Amino acid sequence: MAFEELKHDFSEIDKEVSAYVEHSLEYAKLKSFKISMVLVTYFAKVVLVGVITILSLLFLSLAASYVLGEAFNNQLYGYLVVGLVYLILALIGFAFRERLNKPILRMFSKYYFDES
């Protein structure tokens, strides 16, 4: 009688462990889906805003180059000045590239470790 009861208890434990593993796998799938969707939507927004910004910056740069060229009486000088401004901005961005790590890690860890 005790053996049958023990056997029944082990079969219940086996069912509970199987259910726990199954639910844990489902939770992991949902968690990974949530994280991947947050990343996909974030990058889609960044790409959309980035493309519009780059196009705007392109036309504004062409206009500024033209105006500066007219002011210098030489279009080449206008384009050189705008190009040098972008080169200086690129060098400043390169110098401060390490400072971008913390905000990016903080933002993505918020989504990864969020339990809701």
PDB file of N, CA and C in Angstrom:
ATOM      1  N   MET A   1       0.824  -1.186   0.000  1.00  0.00           N
ATOM      2  CA  MET A   1       0.000   0.000   0.000  1.00  0.00           C
ATOM      3  C   MET A   1       0.872   1.256   0.000  1.00  0.00           C
ATOM      4  N   ALA A   2       1.922   1.278   0.827  1.00  0.00           N
ATOM      5  CA  ALA A   2       2.816   2.432   0.898  1.00  0.00           C
ATOM      6  C   ALA A   2       3.553   2.607  -0.419  1.00  0.00           C
ATOM      7  N   PHE A   3       3.882   1.452  -1.073  1.00  0.00           N
ATOM      8  CA  PHE A   3       4.585   1.528  -2.354  1.00  0.00           C
ATOM      9  C   PHE A   3       3.705   2.167  -3.423  1.00  0.00           C
ATOM     10  N   GLU A   4       2.433   1.815  -3.451  1.00  0.00           N
ATOM     11  CA  GLU A   4       1.498   2.404  -4.417  1.00  0.00           C
ATOM     12  C   GLU A   4       1.336   3.907  -4.177  1.00  0.00           C
ATOM     13  N   GLU A   5       1.291   4.280  -2.909  1.00  0.00           N
ATOM     14  CA  GLU A   5       1.168   5.702  -2.564  1.00  0.00           C
ATOM     15  C   GLU A   5       2.417   6.465  -2.980  1.00  0.00           C
ATOM     16  N   LEU A   6       3.565   5.872  -2.740  1.00  0.00           N
ATOM     17  CA  LEU A   6       4.833   6.482  -3.135  1.00  0.00           C
ATOM     18  C   LEU A   6       4.927   6.599  -4.659  1.00  0.00           C
ATOM     19  N   LYS A   7       4.485   5.565  -5.343  1.00  0.00           N
ATOM     20  CA  LYS A   7       4.481   5.564  -6.798  1.00  0.00           C
ATOM     21  C   LYS A   7       3.550   6.675  -7.326  1.00  0.00           C
ATOM     22  N   HIS A   8       2.394   6.803  -6.680  1.00  0.00           N
ATOM     23  CA  HIS A   8       1.455   7.857  -7.068  1.00  0.00           C
ATOM     24  C   HIS A   8       2.074   9.244  -6.828  1.00  0.00           C
ATOM     25  N   ASP A   9       2.768   9.422  -5.691  1.00  0.00           N
ATOM     26  CA  ASP A   9       3.410  10.700  -5.386  1.00  0.00           C
ATOM     27  C   ASP A   9       4.486  11.037  -6.415  1.00  0.00           C
ATOM     28  N   PHE A  10       5.269  10.033  -6.821  1.00  0.00           N
ATOM     29  CA  PHE A  10       6.314  10.271  -7.822  1.00  0.00           C
ATOM     30  C   PHE A  10       5.714  10.625  -9.180  1.00  0.00           C
ATOM     31  N   SER A  11       4.617  10.011  -9.521  1.00  0.00           N
ATOM     32  CA  SER A  11       3.985  10.342 -10.799  1.00  0.00           C
ATOM     33  C   SER A  11       3.418  11.759 -10.751  1.00  0.00           C
ATOM     34  N   GLU A  12       2.900  12.187  -9.595  1.00  0.00           N
ATOM     35  CA  GLU A  12       2.423  13.564  -9.447  1.00  0.00           C
ATOM     36  C   GLU A  12       3.589  14.558  -9.543  1.00  0.00           C
ATOM     37  N   ILE A  13       4.702  14.215  -8.913  1.00  0.00           N
ATOM     38  CA  ILE A  13       5.888  15.076  -8.983  1.00  0.00           C
ATOM     39  C   ILE A  13       6.373  15.189 -10.421  1.00  0.00           C
ATOM     40  N   ASP A  14       6.354  14.063 -11.136  1.00  0.00           N
ATOM     41  CA  ASP A  14       6.775  14.069 -12.534  1.00  0.00           C
ATOM     42  C   ASP A  14       5.871  14.969 -13.365  1.00  0.00           C
ATOM     43  N   LYS A  15       4.573  14.914 -13.131  1.00  0.00           N
ATOM     44  CA  LYS A  15       3.624  15.767 -13.854  1.00  0.00           C
ATOM     45  C   LYS A  15       3.865  17.232 -13.520  1.00  0.00           C
ATOM     46  N   GLU A  16       4.105  17.523 -12.256  1.00  0.00           N
ATOM     47  CA  GLU A  16       4.333  18.911 -11.831  1.00  0.00           C
ATOM     48  C   GLU A  16       5.625  19.466 -12.433  1.00  0.00           C
ATOM     49  N   VAL A  17       6.673  18.658 -12.441  1.00  0.00           N
ATOM     50  CA  VAL A  17       7.951  19.100 -13.019  1.00  0.00           C
ATOM     51  C   VAL A  17       7.796  19.310 -14.525  1.00  0.00           C
ATOM     52  N   SER A  18       7.095  18.412 -15.179  1.00  0.00           N
ATOM     53  CA  SER A  18       6.859  18.571 -16.623  1.00  0.00           C
ATOM     54  C   SER A  18       6.071  19.842 -16.911  1.00  0.00           C
ATOM     55  N   ALA A  19       5.042  20.091 -16.109  1.00  0.00           N
ATOM     56  CA  ALA A  19       4.250  21.307 -16.297  1.00  0.00           C
ATOM     57  C   ALA A  19       5.101  22.548 -16.037  1.00  0.00           C
ATOM     58  N   TYR A  20       5.951  22.487 -15.002  1.00  0.00           N
ATOM     59  CA  TYR A  20       6.823  23.617 -14.696  1.00  0.00           C
ATOM     60  C   TYR A  20       7.779  23.897 -15.846  1.00  0.00           C
ATOM     61  N   VAL A  21       8.383  22.869 -16.392  1.00  0.00           N
ATOM     62  CA  VAL A  21       9.318  23.042 -17.505  1.00  0.00           C
ATOM     63  C   VAL A  21       8.589  23.598 -18.729  1.00  0.00           C
ATOM     64  N   GLU A  22       7.400  23.068 -18.990  1.00  0.00           N
ATOM     65  CA  GLU A  22       6.629  23.539 -20.135  1.00  0.00           C
ATOM     66  C   GLU A  22       6.258  25.015 -19.981  1.00  0.00           C
ATOM     67  N   HIS A  23       5.821  25.408 -18.793  1.00  0.00           N
ATOM     68  CA  HIS A  23       5.469  26.807 -18.556  1.00  0.00           C
ATOM     69  C   HIS A  23       6.694  27.710 -18.587  1.00  0.00           C
ATOM     70  N   SER A  24       7.813  27.198 -18.113  1.00  0.00           N
ATOM     71  CA  SER A  24       9.054  27.983 -18.160  1.00  0.00           C
ATOM     72  C   SER A  24       9.484  28.227 -19.598  1.00  0.00           C
ATOM     73  N   LEU A  25       9.341  27.223 -20.439  1.00  0.00           N
ATOM     74  CA  LEU A  25       9.684  27.388 -21.853  1.00  0.00           C
ATOM     75  C   LEU A  25       8.741  28.374 -22.531  1.00  0.00           C
ATOM     76  N   GLU A  26       7.464  28.300 -22.212  1.00  0.00           N
ATOM     77  CA  GLU A  26       6.506  29.249 -22.783  1.00  0.00           C
ATOM     78  C   GLU A  26       6.828  30.670 -22.330  1.00  0.00           C
ATOM     79  N   TYR A  27       7.188  30.822 -21.061  1.00  0.00           N
ATOM     80  CA  TYR A  27       7.546  32.134 -20.548  1.00  0.00           C
ATOM     81  C   TYR A  27       8.787  32.670 -21.251  1.00  0.00           C
ATOM     82  N   ALA A  28       9.770  31.803 -21.450  1.00  0.00           N
ATOM     83  CA  ALA A  28      11.001  32.229 -22.134  1.00  0.00           C
ATOM     84  C   ALA A  28      10.699  32.656 -23.571  1.00  0.00           C
ATOM     85  N   LYS A  29       9.812  31.922 -24.235  1.00  0.00           N
ATOM     86  CA  LYS A  29       9.433  32.300 -25.605  1.00  0.00           C
ATOM     87  C   LYS A  29       8.747  33.661 -25.620  1.00  0.00           C
ATOM     88  N   LEU A  30       7.817  33.869 -24.695  1.00  0.00           N
ATOM     89  CA  LEU A  30       7.118  35.150 -24.632  1.00  0.00           C
ATOM     90  C   LEU A  30       8.072  36.292 -24.299  1.00  0.00           C
ATOM     91  N   LYS A  31       8.989  36.033 -23.375  1.00  0.00           N
ATOM     92  CA  LYS A  31       9.961  37.060 -22.984  1.00  0.00           C
ATOM     93  C   LYS A  31      10.858  37.412 -24.168  1.00  0.00           C
ATOM     94  N   SER A  32      11.331  36.409 -24.897  1.00  0.00           N
ATOM     95  CA  SER A  32      12.192  36.686 -26.042  1.00  0.00           C
ATOM     96  C   SER A  32      11.414  37.391 -27.149  1.00  0.00           C
ATOM     97  N   PHE A  33      10.136  37.047 -27.329  1.00  0.00           N
ATOM     98  CA  PHE A  33       9.307  37.739 -28.311  1.00  0.00           C
ATOM     99  C   PHE A  33       9.125  39.204 -27.929  1.00  0.00           C
ATOM    100  N   LYS A  34       8.867  39.446 -26.655  1.00  0.00           N
ATOM    101  CA  LYS A  34       8.692  40.821 -26.190  1.00  0.00           C
ATOM    102  C   LYS A  34       9.955  41.636 -26.437  1.00  0.00           C
ATOM    103  N   ILE A  35      11.095  41.089 -26.088  1.00  0.00           N
ATOM    104  CA  ILE A  35      12.361  41.799 -26.258  1.00  0.00           C
ATOM    105  C   ILE A  35      12.656  42.031 -27.741  1.00  0.00           C
ATOM    106  N   SER A  36      12.432  41.006 -28.548  1.00  0.00           N
ATOM    107  CA  SER A  36      12.727  41.183 -29.977  1.00  0.00           C
ATOM    108  C   SER A  36      11.791  42.207 -30.612  1.00  0.00           C
ATOM    109  N   MET A  37      10.532  42.232 -30.209  1.00  0.00           N
ATOM    110  CA  MET A  37       9.606  43.223 -30.766  1.00  0.00           C
ATOM    111  C   MET A  37       9.953  44.639 -30.313  1.00  0.00           C
ATOM    112  N   VAL A  38      10.392  44.785 -29.077  1.00  0.00           N
ATOM    113  CA  VAL A  38      10.825  46.105 -28.614  1.00  0.00           C
ATOM    114  C   VAL A  38      12.017  46.567 -29.442  1.00  0.00           C
ATOM    115  N   LEU A  39      12.956  45.670 -29.678  1.00  0.00           N
ATOM    116  CA  LEU A  39      14.135  46.029 -30.475  1.00  0.00           C
ATOM    117  C   LEU A  39      13.767  46.330 -31.923  1.00  0.00           C
ATOM    118  N   VAL A  40      12.902  45.523 -32.507  1.00  0.00           N
ATOM    119  CA  VAL A  40      12.518  45.736 -33.903  1.00  0.00           C
ATOM    120  C   VAL A  40      11.794  47.067 -34.055  1.00  0.00           C
ATOM    121  N   THR A  41      10.844  47.353 -33.168  1.00  0.00           N
ATOM    122  CA  THR A  41      10.118  48.624 -33.281  1.00  0.00           C
ATOM    123  C   THR A  41      11.041  49.807 -33.000  1.00  0.00           C
ATOM    124  N   TYR A  42      11.965  49.641 -32.059  1.00  0.00           N
ATOM    125  CA  TYR A  42      12.913  50.722 -31.772  1.00  0.00           C
ATOM    126  C   TYR A  42      13.781  51.009 -32.991  1.00  0.00           C
ATOM    127  N   PHE A  43      14.330  49.965 -33.588  1.00  0.00           N
ATOM    128  CA  PHE A  43      15.194  50.172 -34.745  1.00  0.00           C
ATOM    129  C   PHE A  43      14.407  50.686 -35.954  1.00  0.00           C
ATOM    130  N   ALA A  44      13.164  50.268 -36.106  1.00  0.00           N
ATOM    131  CA  ALA A  44      12.343  50.788 -37.196  1.00  0.00           C
ATOM    132  C   ALA A  44      12.125  52.288 -37.026  1.00  0.00           C
ATOM    133  N   LYS A  45      11.863  52.707 -35.795  1.00  0.00           N
ATOM    134  CA  LYS A  45      11.690  54.139 -35.534  1.00  0.00           C
ATOM    135  C   LYS A  45      12.984  54.893 -35.792  1.00  0.00           C
ATOM    136  N   VAL A  46      14.091  54.331 -35.353  1.00  0.00           N
ATOM    137  CA  VAL A  46      15.385  54.984 -35.554  1.00  0.00           C
ATOM    138  C   VAL A  46      15.693  55.111 -37.042  1.00  0.00           C
ATOM    139  N   VAL A  47      15.428  54.064 -37.800  1.00  0.00           N
ATOM    140  CA  VAL A  47      15.699  54.107 -39.236  1.00  0.00           C
ATOM    141  C   VAL A  47      14.804  55.143 -39.916  1.00  0.00           C
ATOM    142  N   LEU A  48      13.528  55.156 -39.570  1.00  0.00           N
ATOM    143  CA  LEU A  48      12.609  56.109 -40.181  1.00  0.00           C
ATOM    144  C   LEU A  48      13.010  57.546 -39.876  1.00  0.00           C
ATOM    145  N   VAL A  49      13.236  57.833 -38.615  1.00  0.00           N
ATOM    146  CA  VAL A  49      13.636  59.189 -38.233  1.00  0.00           C
ATOM    147  C   VAL A  49      15.021  59.500 -38.791  1.00  0.00           C
ATOM    148  N   GLY A  50      15.910  58.519 -38.799  1.00  0.00           N
ATOM    149  CA  GLY A  50      17.259  58.724 -39.315  1.00  0.00           C
ATOM    150  C   GLY A  50      17.276  59.059 -40.794  1.00  0.00           C
ATOM    151  N   VAL A  51      16.484  58.361 -41.584  1.00  0.00           N
ATOM    152  CA  VAL A  51      16.445  58.626 -43.025  1.00  0.00           C
ATOM    153  C   VAL A  51      15.907  60.028 -43.289  1.00  0.00           C
ATOM    154  N   ILE A  52      14.837  60.391 -42.600  1.00  0.00           N
ATOM    155  CA  ILE A  52      14.272  61.730 -42.791  1.00  0.00           C
ATOM    156  C   ILE A  52      15.274  62.796 -42.353  1.00  0.00           C
ATOM    157  N   THR A  53      15.950  62.567 -41.247  1.00  0.00           N
ATOM    158  CA  THR A  53      16.941  63.523 -40.753  1.00  0.00           C
ATOM    159  C   THR A  53      18.108  63.658 -41.718  1.00  0.00           C
ATOM    160  N   ILE A  54      18.590  62.548 -42.235  1.00  0.00           N
ATOM    161  CA  ILE A  54      19.729  62.594 -43.158  1.00  0.00           C
ATOM    162  C   ILE A  54      19.351  63.314 -44.456  1.00  0.00           C
ATOM    163  N   LEU A  55      18.152  63.053 -44.958  1.00  0.00           N
ATOM    164  CA  LEU A  55      17.722  63.767 -46.167  1.00  0.00           C
ATOM    165  C   LEU A  55      17.596  65.268 -45.903  1.00  0.00           C
ATOM    166  N   SER A  56      17.034  65.617 -44.760  1.00  0.00           N
ATOM    167  CA  SER A  56      16.919  67.035 -44.403  1.00  0.00           C
ATOM    168  C   SER A  56      18.296  67.665 -44.269  1.00  0.00           C
ATOM    169  N   LEU A  57      19.194  66.965 -43.612  1.00  0.00           N
ATOM    170  CA  LEU A  57      20.546  67.467 -43.430  1.00  0.00           C
ATOM    171  C   LEU A  57      21.271  67.622 -44.768  1.00  0.00           C
ATOM    172  N   LEU A  58      21.029  66.722 -45.685  1.00  0.00           N
ATOM    173  CA  LEU A  58      21.633  66.806 -47.012  1.00  0.00           C
ATOM    174  C   LEU A  58      21.198  68.086 -47.729  1.00  0.00           C
ATOM    175  N   PHE A  59      19.899  68.342 -47.751  1.00  0.00           N
ATOM    176  CA  PHE A  59      19.415  69.529 -48.446  1.00  0.00           C
ATOM    177  C   PHE A  59      19.825  70.813 -47.733  1.00  0.00           C
ATOM    178  N   LEU A  60      19.821  70.790 -46.405  1.00  0.00           N
ATOM    179  CA  LEU A  60      20.280  71.974 -45.675  1.00  0.00           C
ATOM    180  C   LEU A  60      21.770  72.221 -45.910  1.00  0.00           C
ATOM    181  N   SER A  61      22.542  71.149 -46.001  1.00  0.00           N
ATOM    182  CA  SER A  61      23.974  71.291 -46.281  1.00  0.00           C
ATOM    183  C   SER A  61      24.218  71.853 -47.667  1.00  0.00           C
ATOM    184  N   LEU A  62      23.459  71.373 -48.641  1.00  0.00           N
ATOM    185  CA  LEU A  62      23.605  71.910 -49.999  1.00  0.00           C
ATOM    186  C   LEU A  62      23.246  73.390 -50.040  1.00  0.00           C
ATOM    187  N   ALA A  63      22.173  73.750 -49.332  1.00  0.00           N
ATOM    188  CA  ALA A  63      21.774  75.158 -49.299  1.00  0.00           C
ATOM    189  C   ALA A  63      22.836  76.005 -48.607  1.00  0.00           C
ATOM    190  N   ALA A  64      23.367  75.525 -47.478  1.00  0.00           N
ATOM    191  CA  ALA A  64      24.400  76.274 -46.757  1.00  0.00           C
ATOM    192  C   ALA A  64      25.662  76.402 -47.610  1.00  0.00           C
ATOM    193  N   SER A  65      26.021  75.333 -48.304  1.00  0.00           N
ATOM    194  CA  SER A  65      27.197  75.389 -49.177  1.00  0.00           C
ATOM    195  C   SER A  65      27.012  76.408 -50.283  1.00  0.00           C
ATOM    196  N   TYR A  66      25.826  76.441 -50.845  1.00  0.00           N
ATOM    197  CA  TYR A  66      25.544  77.409 -51.910  1.00  0.00           C
ATOM    198  C   TYR A  66      25.626  78.840 -51.382  1.00  0.00           C
ATOM    199  N   VAL A  67      25.009  79.075 -50.213  1.00  0.00           N
ATOM    200  CA  VAL A  67      25.029  80.428 -49.639  1.00  0.00           C
ATOM    201  C   VAL A  67      26.449  80.842 -49.287  1.00  0.00           C
ATOM    202  N   LEU A  68      27.207  79.945 -48.683  1.00  0.00           N
ATOM    203  CA  LEU A  68      28.604  80.267 -48.347  1.00  0.00           C
ATOM    204  C   LEU A  68      29.432  80.483 -49.610  1.00  0.00           C
ATOM    205  N   GLY A  69      29.170  79.696 -50.635  1.00  0.00           N
ATOM    206  CA  GLY A  69      29.879  79.878 -51.902  1.00  0.00           C
ATOM    207  C   GLY A  69      29.591  81.229 -52.514  1.00  0.00           C
ATOM    208  N   GLU A  70      28.355  81.660 -52.420  1.00  0.00           N
ATOM    209  CA  GLU A  70      27.999  82.989 -52.926  1.00  0.00           C
ATOM    210  C   GLU A  70      28.692  84.077 -52.103  1.00  0.00           C
ATOM    211  N   ALA A  71      28.786  83.858 -50.790  1.00  0.00           N
ATOM    212  CA  ALA A  71      29.433  84.849 -49.922  1.00  0.00           C
ATOM    213  C   ALA A  71      30.933  84.925 -50.209  1.00  0.00           C
ATOM    214  N   PHE A  72      31.561  83.797 -50.508  1.00  0.00           N
ATOM    215  CA  PHE A  72      33.000  83.770 -50.793  1.00  0.00           C
ATOM    216  C   PHE A  72      33.297  84.019 -52.274  1.00  0.00           C
ATOM    217  N   ASN A  73      32.281  84.123 -53.083  1.00  0.00           N
ATOM    218  CA  ASN A  73      32.425  84.253 -54.534  1.00  0.00           C
ATOM    219  C   ASN A  73      33.122  83.049 -55.152  1.00  0.00           C
ATOM    220  N   ASN A  74      32.999  81.896 -54.490  1.00  0.00           N
ATOM    221  CA  ASN A  74      33.588  80.659 -54.999  1.00  0.00           C
ATOM    222  C   ASN A  74      32.811  79.492 -54.379  1.00  0.00           C
ATOM    223  N   GLN A  75      32.120  78.729 -55.201  1.00  0.00           N
ATOM    224  CA  GLN A  75      31.293  77.622 -54.697  1.00  0.00           C
ATOM    225  C   GLN A  75      32.138  76.557 -53.996  1.00  0.00           C
ATOM    226  N   LEU A  76      33.354  76.348 -54.469  1.00  0.00           N
ATOM    227  CA  LEU A  76      34.222  75.341 -53.859  1.00  0.00           C
ATOM    228  C   LEU A  76      34.476  75.641 -52.394  1.00  0.00           C
ATOM    229  N   TYR A  77      34.709  76.895 -52.062  1.00  0.00           N
ATOM    230  CA  TYR A  77      34.951  77.269 -50.664  1.00  0.00           C
ATOM    231  C   TYR A  77      33.724  77.000 -49.791  1.00  0.00           C
ATOM    232  N   GLY A  78      32.553  77.223 -50.328  1.00  0.00           N
ATOM    233  CA  GLY A  78      31.335  76.936 -49.576  1.00  0.00           C
ATOM    234  C   GLY A  78      31.214  75.460 -49.243  1.00  0.00           C
ATOM    235  N   TYR A  79      31.486  74.608 -50.228  1.00  0.00           N
ATOM    236  CA  TYR A  79      31.427  73.162 -49.988  1.00  0.00           C
ATOM    237  C   TYR A  79      32.536  72.708 -49.037  1.00  0.00           C
ATOM    238  N   LEU A  80      33.717  73.315 -49.154  1.00  0.00           N
ATOM    239  CA  LEU A  80      34.815  72.965 -48.253  1.00  0.00           C
ATOM    240  C   LEU A  80      34.493  73.332 -46.803  1.00  0.00           C
ATOM    241  N   VAL A  81      33.897  74.478 -46.578  1.00  0.00           N
ATOM    242  CA  VAL A  81      33.554  74.898 -45.215  1.00  0.00           C
ATOM    243  C   VAL A  81      32.531  73.947 -44.608  1.00  0.00           C
ATOM    244  N   VAL A  82      31.501  73.620 -45.364  1.00  0.00           N
ATOM    245  CA  VAL A  82      30.481  72.695 -44.843  1.00  0.00           C
ATOM    246  C   VAL A  82      31.098  71.313 -44.605  1.00  0.00           C
ATOM    247  N   GLY A  83      31.955  70.865 -45.502  1.00  0.00           N
ATOM    248  CA  GLY A  83      32.632  69.582 -45.314  1.00  0.00           C
ATOM    249  C   GLY A  83      33.513  69.574 -44.078  1.00  0.00           C
ATOM    250  N   LEU A  84      34.230  70.670 -43.830  1.00  0.00           N
ATOM    251  CA  LEU A  84      35.072  70.765 -42.632  1.00  0.00           C
ATOM    252  C   LEU A  84      34.244  70.769 -41.351  1.00  0.00           C
ATOM    253  N   VAL A  85      33.076  71.407 -41.402  1.00  0.00           N
ATOM    254  CA  VAL A  85      32.188  71.387 -40.231  1.00  0.00           C
ATOM    255  C   VAL A  85      31.770  69.951 -39.925  1.00  0.00           C
ATOM    256  N   TYR A  86      31.412  69.197 -40.968  1.00  0.00           N
ATOM    257  CA  TYR A  86      31.041  67.796 -40.747  1.00  0.00           C
ATOM    258  C   TYR A  86      32.229  66.965 -40.267  1.00  0.00           C
ATOM    259  N   LEU A  87      33.411  67.250 -40.764  1.00  0.00           N
ATOM    260  CA  LEU A  87      34.602  66.533 -40.320  1.00  0.00           C
ATOM    261  C   LEU A  87      34.871  66.800 -38.843  1.00  0.00           C
ATOM    262  N   ILE A  88      34.730  68.042 -38.419  1.00  0.00           N
ATOM    263  CA  ILE A  88      34.925  68.393 -37.005  1.00  0.00           C
ATOM    264  C   ILE A  88      33.875  67.696 -36.135  1.00  0.00           C
ATOM    265  N   LEU A  89      32.619  67.682 -36.586  1.00  0.00           N
ATOM    266  CA  LEU A  89      31.572  66.992 -35.831  1.00  0.00           C
ATOM    267  C   LEU A  89      31.843  65.488 -35.741  1.00  0.00           C
ATOM    268  N   ALA A  90      32.354  64.909 -36.820  1.00  0.00           N
ATOM    269  CA  ALA A  90      32.689  63.482 -36.809  1.00  0.00           C
ATOM    270  C   ALA A  90      33.826  63.190 -35.829  1.00  0.00           C
ATOM    271  N   LEU A  91      34.824  64.061 -35.785  1.00  0.00           N
ATOM    272  CA  LEU A  91      35.930  63.866 -34.846  1.00  0.00           C
ATOM    273  C   LEU A  91      35.463  64.010 -33.392  1.00  0.00           C
ATOM    274  N   ILE A  92      34.570  64.945 -33.144  1.00  0.00           N
ATOM    275  CA  ILE A  92      34.016  65.099 -31.788  1.00  0.00           C
ATOM    276  C   ILE A  92      33.207  63.855 -31.421  1.00  0.00           C
ATOM    277  N   GLY A  93      32.400  63.363 -32.343  1.00  0.00           N
ATOM    278  CA  GLY A  93      31.633  62.134 -32.100  1.00  0.00           C
ATOM    279  C   GLY A  93      32.537  60.944 -31.853  1.00  0.00           C
ATOM    280  N   PHE A  94      33.627  60.852 -32.594  1.00  0.00           N
ATOM    281  CA  PHE A  94      34.582  59.757 -32.400  1.00  0.00           C
ATOM    282  C   PHE A  94      35.243  59.857 -31.031  1.00  0.00           C
ATOM    283  N   ALA A  95      35.546  61.061 -30.600  1.00  0.00           N
ATOM    284  CA  ALA A  95      36.204  61.243 -29.307  1.00  0.00           C
ATOM    285  C   ALA A  95      35.291  60.848 -28.145  1.00  0.00           C
ATOM    286  N   PHE A  96      33.995  61.067 -28.295  1.00  0.00           N
ATOM    287  CA  PHE A  96      33.056  60.782 -27.208  1.00  0.00           C
ATOM    288  C   PHE A  96      32.257  59.502 -27.424  1.00  0.00           C
ATOM    289  N   ARG A  97      32.718  58.602 -28.272  1.00  0.00           N
ATOM    290  CA  ARG A  97      31.974  57.387 -28.587  1.00  0.00           C
ATOM    291  C   ARG A  97      31.799  56.451 -27.394  1.00  0.00           C
ATOM    292  N   GLU A  98      32.741  56.442 -26.469  1.00  0.00           N
ATOM    293  CA  GLU A  98      32.650  55.558 -25.298  1.00  0.00           C
ATOM    294  C   GLU A  98      31.543  55.994 -24.349  1.00  0.00           C
ATOM    295  N   ARG A  99      31.191  57.250 -24.363  1.00  0.00           N
ATOM    296  CA  ARG A  99      30.140  57.745 -23.456  1.00  0.00           C
ATOM    297  C   ARG A  99      28.751  57.304 -23.895  1.00  0.00           C
ATOM    298  N   LEU A 100      28.633  56.766 -25.095  1.00  0.00           N
ATOM    299  CA  LEU A 100      27.340  56.285 -25.568  1.00  0.00           C
ATOM    300  C   LEU A 100      26.993  54.908 -25.011  1.00  0.00           C
ATOM    301  N   ASN A 101      27.975  54.163 -24.524  1.00  0.00           N
ATOM    302  CA  ASN A 101      27.733  52.801 -24.058  1.00  0.00           C
ATOM    303  C   ASN A 101      26.760  52.749 -22.886  1.00  0.00           C
ATOM    304  N   LYS A 102      26.963  53.586 -21.881  1.00  0.00           N
ATOM    305  CA  LYS A 102      26.109  53.533 -20.695  1.00  0.00           C
ATOM    306  C   LYS A 102      24.644  53.805 -21.003  1.00  0.00           C
ATOM    307  N   PRO A 103      24.307  54.868 -21.725  1.00  0.00           N
ATOM    308  CA  PRO A 103      22.872  55.086 -22.001  1.00  0.00           C
ATOM    309  C   PRO A 103      22.245  53.969 -22.830  1.00  0.00           C
ATOM    310  N   ILE A 104      23.001  53.436 -23.779  1.00  0.00           N
ATOM    311  CA  ILE A 104      22.458  52.360 -24.611  1.00  0.00           C
ATOM    312  C   ILE A 104      22.247  51.103 -23.778  1.00  0.00           C
ATOM    313  N   LEU A 105      23.226  50.734 -22.965  1.00  0.00           N
ATOM    314  CA  LEU A 105      23.072  49.561 -22.113  1.00  0.00           C
ATOM    315  C   LEU A 105      21.940  49.734 -21.117  1.00  0.00           C
ATOM    316  N   ARG A 106      21.814  50.921 -20.565  1.00  0.00           N
ATOM    317  CA  ARG A 106      20.745  51.183 -19.603  1.00  0.00           C
ATOM    318  C   ARG A 106      19.374  51.042 -20.260  1.00  0.00           C
ATOM    319  N   MET A 107      19.247  51.547 -21.476  1.00  0.00           N
ATOM    320  CA  MET A 107      17.968  51.491 -22.173  1.00  0.00           C
ATOM    321  C   MET A 107      17.568  50.050 -22.486  1.00  0.00           C
ATOM    322  N   PHE A 108      18.507  49.260 -23.030  1.00  0.00           N
ATOM    323  CA  PHE A 108      18.163  47.891 -23.404  1.00  0.00           C
ATOM    324  C   PHE A 108      18.030  46.986 -22.190  1.00  0.00           C
ATOM    325  N   SER A 109      18.772  47.233 -21.122  1.00  0.00           N
ATOM    326  CA  SER A 109      18.617  46.413 -19.927  1.00  0.00           C
ATOM    327  C   SER A 109      17.264  46.659 -19.267  1.00  0.00           C
ATOM    328  N   LYS A 110      16.730  47.867 -19.425  1.00  0.00           N
ATOM    329  CA  LYS A 110      15.397  48.159 -18.896  1.00  0.00           C
ATOM    330  C   LYS A 110      14.371  47.259 -19.554  1.00  0.00           C
ATOM    331  N   TYR A 111      14.463  47.050 -20.860  1.00  0.00           N
ATOM    332  CA  TYR A 111      13.516  46.197 -21.557  1.00  0.00           C
ATOM    333  C   TYR A 111      13.769  44.724 -21.256  1.00  0.00           C
ATOM    334  N   TYR A 112      15.028  44.340 -21.106  1.00  0.00           N
ATOM    335  CA  TYR A 112      15.349  42.931 -20.900  1.00  0.00           C
ATOM    336  C   TYR A 112      14.962  42.482 -19.493  1.00  0.00           C
ATOM    337  N   PHE A 113      15.251  43.273 -18.492  1.00  0.00           N
ATOM    338  CA  PHE A 113      15.011  42.860 -17.113  1.00  0.00           C
ATOM    339  C   PHE A 113      13.670  43.298 -16.575  1.00  0.00           C
ATOM    340  N   ASP A 114      12.861  43.944 -17.397  1.00  0.00           N
ATOM    341  CA  ASP A 114      11.518  44.343 -16.971  1.00  0.00           C
ATOM    342  C   ASP A 114      10.669  43.091 -16.832  1.00  0.00           C
ATOM    343  N   GLU A 115      10.089  42.891 -15.677  1.00  0.00           N
ATOM    344  CA  GLU A 115       9.338  41.674 -15.403  1.00  0.00           C
ATOM    345  C   GLU A 115       7.869  41.766 -15.768  1.00  0.00           C
ATOM    346  N   SER A 116       7.404  42.908 -16.209  1.00  0.00           N
ATOM    347  CA  SER A 116       5.967  43.016 -16.507  1.00  0.00           C
ATOM    348  C   SER A 116       5.644  42.464 -17.872  1.00  0.00           C
TER     349      SER A 116
END
